[in-house]
Amino acid sequence: HLVQTVETRDEVHALLHEERYIDLVVPRGSSALVRSIQREARMPVMGHADGLCAAYIHADAPASLVVPTILDAKTDYPSACNAVETLLVHRAHLASGTWAALVRALVAAGVTLFLDDELLAAARTAAPDGRLARAEPAHFATEFLDLALAARAVGSVDEAIDHINTHGSGHTDII
């Protein structure tokens, strides 16, 4: 009848040997942390694989929701397995101002952005001195677990879903 959240590795290690009191462990964090807990635990562990999570910003998504949602999904706990690692932006936002507002917010929060050529060109006016770099194909297969984000422009929800199905881990994605 108790849910306990632990934060330090020493606390985790001690609890993983309390199988007479703990029925199930649900770890949250990096893949390395989950594997370590799975090896050490004396009770069942509901673990996961990598969390290569993506977010798609639909053409009609309002900036008032986009900016705080994506900012939180990347910066609240960037080393968690459910932090967004790939951002798919509908091209409609390049002209609407939503992309520029999002770039400014992410750069101000210390996020390094790995962008396709289309997004990079649009981002340079919003954050000319920001943490912007050209995305390589490997960036879209990377679980950064840090304040880094790969982003590319797409023309439709179907294109975003195709990208997610091709590159994602199936852990946590948002549209």
Protein backbone atom coordinates (compact mmCIF):
# COMPACT_ATOMS: atom_id res chain seq x y z
CA HIS A 1 0.00 0.00 0.00
CA LEU A 2 2.93 2.28 -0.61
CA VAL A 3 4.46 3.84 -3.66
CA GLN A 4 8.02 4.96 -3.13
CA THR A 5 10.12 7.15 -5.36
CA VAL A 6 13.87 6.88 -4.93
CA GLU A 7 16.47 9.09 -6.53
CA THR A 8 19.99 7.97 -5.63
CA ARG A 9 21.74 4.83 -6.83
CA ASP A 10 22.51 3.82 -3.23
CA GLU A 11 18.79 3.96 -2.37
CA VAL A 12 17.96 1.94 -5.47
CA HIS A 13 20.59 -0.71 -4.70
CA ALA A 14 19.33 -1.20 -1.14
CA LEU A 15 15.71 -1.54 -2.21
CA LEU A 16 16.48 -4.06 -4.96
CA HIS A 17 17.30 -6.62 -2.25
CA GLU A 18 14.03 -6.20 -0.35
CA GLU A 19 12.04 -8.82 -2.27
CA ARG A 20 9.96 -9.78 0.76
CA TYR A 21 8.56 -6.22 0.87
CA ILE A 22 8.62 -5.15 -2.77
CA ASP A 23 6.50 -6.91 -5.38
CA LEU A 24 7.47 -4.98 -8.52
CA VAL A 25 10.01 -2.39 -9.61
CA VAL A 26 9.18 0.04 -12.43
CA PRO A 27 12.41 1.92 -13.17
CA ARG A 28 12.44 5.24 -14.99
CA GLY A 29 15.65 6.45 -16.56
CA SER A 30 18.26 5.52 -19.08
CA SER A 31 18.53 2.12 -20.73
CA ALA A 32 21.78 1.54 -18.81
CA LEU A 33 20.02 2.23 -15.50
CA VAL A 34 17.16 -0.13 -16.35
CA ARG A 35 19.57 -2.93 -17.36
CA SER A 36 21.50 -2.44 -14.13
CA ILE A 37 18.29 -2.70 -12.09
CA GLN A 38 17.21 -5.79 -14.02
CA ARG A 39 20.55 -7.49 -13.21
CA GLU A 40 20.51 -6.55 -9.52
CA ALA A 41 16.85 -6.91 -8.55
CA ARG A 42 15.58 -9.86 -6.53
CA MET A 43 11.98 -9.19 -7.59
CA PRO A 44 10.21 -8.69 -10.95
CA VAL A 45 11.19 -5.59 -12.91
CA MET A 46 8.97 -4.00 -15.53
CA GLY A 47 11.74 -2.57 -17.69
CA HIS A 48 11.93 -1.12 -21.15
CA ALA A 49 14.24 -0.84 -24.09
CA ASP A 50 15.61 2.41 -25.43
CA GLY A 51 13.38 5.45 -25.41
CA LEU A 52 13.90 7.03 -28.80
CA CYS A 53 10.81 9.21 -28.46
CA ALA A 54 9.44 11.56 -31.09
CA ALA A 55 7.01 14.47 -31.12
CA TYR A 56 5.15 15.66 -34.20
CA ILE A 57 3.82 19.22 -34.38
CA HIS A 58 0.72 19.11 -36.58
CA ALA A 59 -0.02 21.90 -39.05
CA ASP A 60 -2.82 23.36 -36.92
CA ALA A 61 -1.18 23.01 -33.50
CA PRO A 62 -1.31 26.37 -31.68
CA ALA A 63 1.97 27.91 -30.55
CA SER A 64 0.46 28.44 -27.10
CA LEU A 65 0.44 24.63 -26.67
CA VAL A 66 3.43 23.70 -28.81
CA VAL A 67 6.10 25.72 -27.05
CA PRO A 68 5.40 24.70 -23.43
CA THR A 69 4.66 21.08 -24.37
CA ILE A 70 7.85 20.51 -26.37
CA LEU A 71 9.94 22.50 -23.90
CA ASP A 72 8.69 20.32 -21.04
CA ALA A 73 9.03 17.09 -23.04
CA LYS A 74 12.70 17.85 -23.69
CA THR A 75 13.90 19.74 -20.61
CA ASP A 76 11.94 18.48 -17.59
CA TYR A 77 14.08 15.35 -17.23
CA PRO A 78 16.21 14.99 -20.36
CA SER A 79 17.92 11.77 -19.24
CA ALA A 80 14.61 9.95 -18.80
CA CYS A 81 13.62 7.26 -21.30
CA ASN A 82 10.46 9.17 -22.22
CA ALA A 83 12.12 12.51 -22.99
CA VAL A 84 11.58 13.64 -26.56
CA GLU A 85 14.67 13.07 -28.73
CA THR A 86 13.26 13.74 -32.22
CA LEU A 87 11.01 16.59 -33.26
CA LEU A 88 9.00 16.49 -36.48
CA VAL A 89 7.69 19.92 -37.47
CA HIS A 90 5.01 20.48 -40.09
CA ARG A 91 6.24 22.97 -42.66
CA ALA A 92 3.24 25.22 -41.96
CA HIS A 93 4.99 26.33 -38.76
CA LEU A 94 8.00 27.74 -40.57
CA ALA A 95 5.91 30.71 -41.74
CA SER A 96 3.53 30.91 -38.78
CA GLY A 97 6.12 31.98 -36.21
CA THR A 98 5.62 28.85 -34.09
CA TRP A 99 8.95 27.37 -35.18
CA ALA A 100 10.82 30.59 -34.35
CA ALA A 101 9.19 30.81 -30.91
CA LEU A 102 10.02 27.17 -30.20
CA VAL A 103 13.65 27.59 -31.30
CA ARG A 104 14.06 30.62 -29.04
CA ALA A 105 12.58 28.75 -26.07
CA LEU A 106 14.67 25.61 -26.59
CA VAL A 107 17.92 27.52 -27.11
CA ALA A 108 17.21 29.67 -24.03
CA ALA A 109 16.78 26.42 -22.06
CA GLY A 110 20.21 25.22 -23.20
CA VAL A 111 19.06 22.67 -25.78
CA THR A 112 21.37 21.95 -28.72
CA LEU A 113 19.33 21.53 -31.90
CA PHE A 114 20.42 19.20 -34.72
CA LEU A 115 18.29 20.39 -37.63
CA ASP A 116 17.67 19.38 -41.22
CA ASP A 117 18.58 22.02 -43.80
CA GLU A 118 15.05 23.41 -43.99
CA LEU A 119 14.65 23.90 -40.24
CA LEU A 120 18.22 25.11 -39.84
CA ALA A 121 17.70 27.90 -42.38
CA ALA A 122 14.50 28.99 -40.62
CA ALA A 123 16.06 28.75 -37.15
CA ARG A 124 19.07 30.96 -37.90
CA THR A 125 16.86 34.08 -37.89
CA ALA A 126 15.27 33.11 -34.55
CA ALA A 127 18.52 32.21 -32.81
CA PRO A 128 21.50 33.40 -34.87
CA ASP A 129 23.90 32.73 -32.00
CA GLY A 130 22.04 29.71 -30.71
CA ARG A 131 22.98 26.09 -30.24
CA LEU A 132 22.21 25.08 -33.83
CA ALA A 133 23.88 22.39 -35.92
CA ARG A 134 23.13 20.47 -39.13
CA ALA A 135 21.51 17.11 -38.43
CA GLU A 136 23.21 13.96 -39.67
CA PRO A 137 21.21 10.75 -40.28
CA ALA A 138 22.62 9.26 -37.06
CA HIS A 139 21.01 12.03 -34.99
CA PHE A 140 17.57 10.60 -35.83
CA ALA A 141 18.60 7.25 -34.35
CA THR A 142 20.14 8.69 -31.19
CA GLU A 143 18.76 8.61 -27.68
CA PHE A 144 20.59 11.70 -26.46
CA LEU A 145 19.52 11.52 -22.79
CA ASP A 146 20.70 15.11 -22.58
CA LEU A 147 19.73 18.61 -23.67
CA ALA A 148 20.00 17.77 -27.37
CA LEU A 149 17.23 17.34 -29.93
CA ALA A 150 17.14 16.25 -33.58
CA ALA A 151 14.47 17.91 -35.74
CA ARG A 152 13.27 17.76 -39.31
CA ALA A 153 10.49 19.32 -41.34
CA VAL A 154 7.66 17.15 -42.65
CA GLY A 155 4.72 17.83 -44.93
CA SER A 156 2.06 15.63 -43.34
CA VAL A 157 1.08 13.51 -40.39
CA ASP A 158 1.64 10.42 -42.56
CA GLU A 159 5.24 11.49 -43.20
CA ALA A 160 5.71 12.00 -39.44
CA ILE A 161 4.25 8.58 -38.63
CA ASP A 162 6.49 6.97 -41.26
CA HIS A 163 9.53 8.62 -39.65
CA ILE A 164 8.45 7.49 -36.17
CA ASN A 165 7.84 3.91 -37.35
CA THR A 166 11.19 3.82 -39.14
CA HIS A 167 13.39 5.44 -36.49
CA GLY A 168 11.52 5.32 -33.17
CA SER A 169 11.68 2.74 -30.41
CA GLY A 170 7.92 2.58 -29.83
CA HIS A 171 8.36 3.80 -26.26
CA THR A 172 6.60 7.18 -26.09
CA ASP A 173 5.61 9.37 -29.04
CA ILE A 174 3.29 12.37 -29.29
CA ILE A 175 1.29 13.91 -32.10
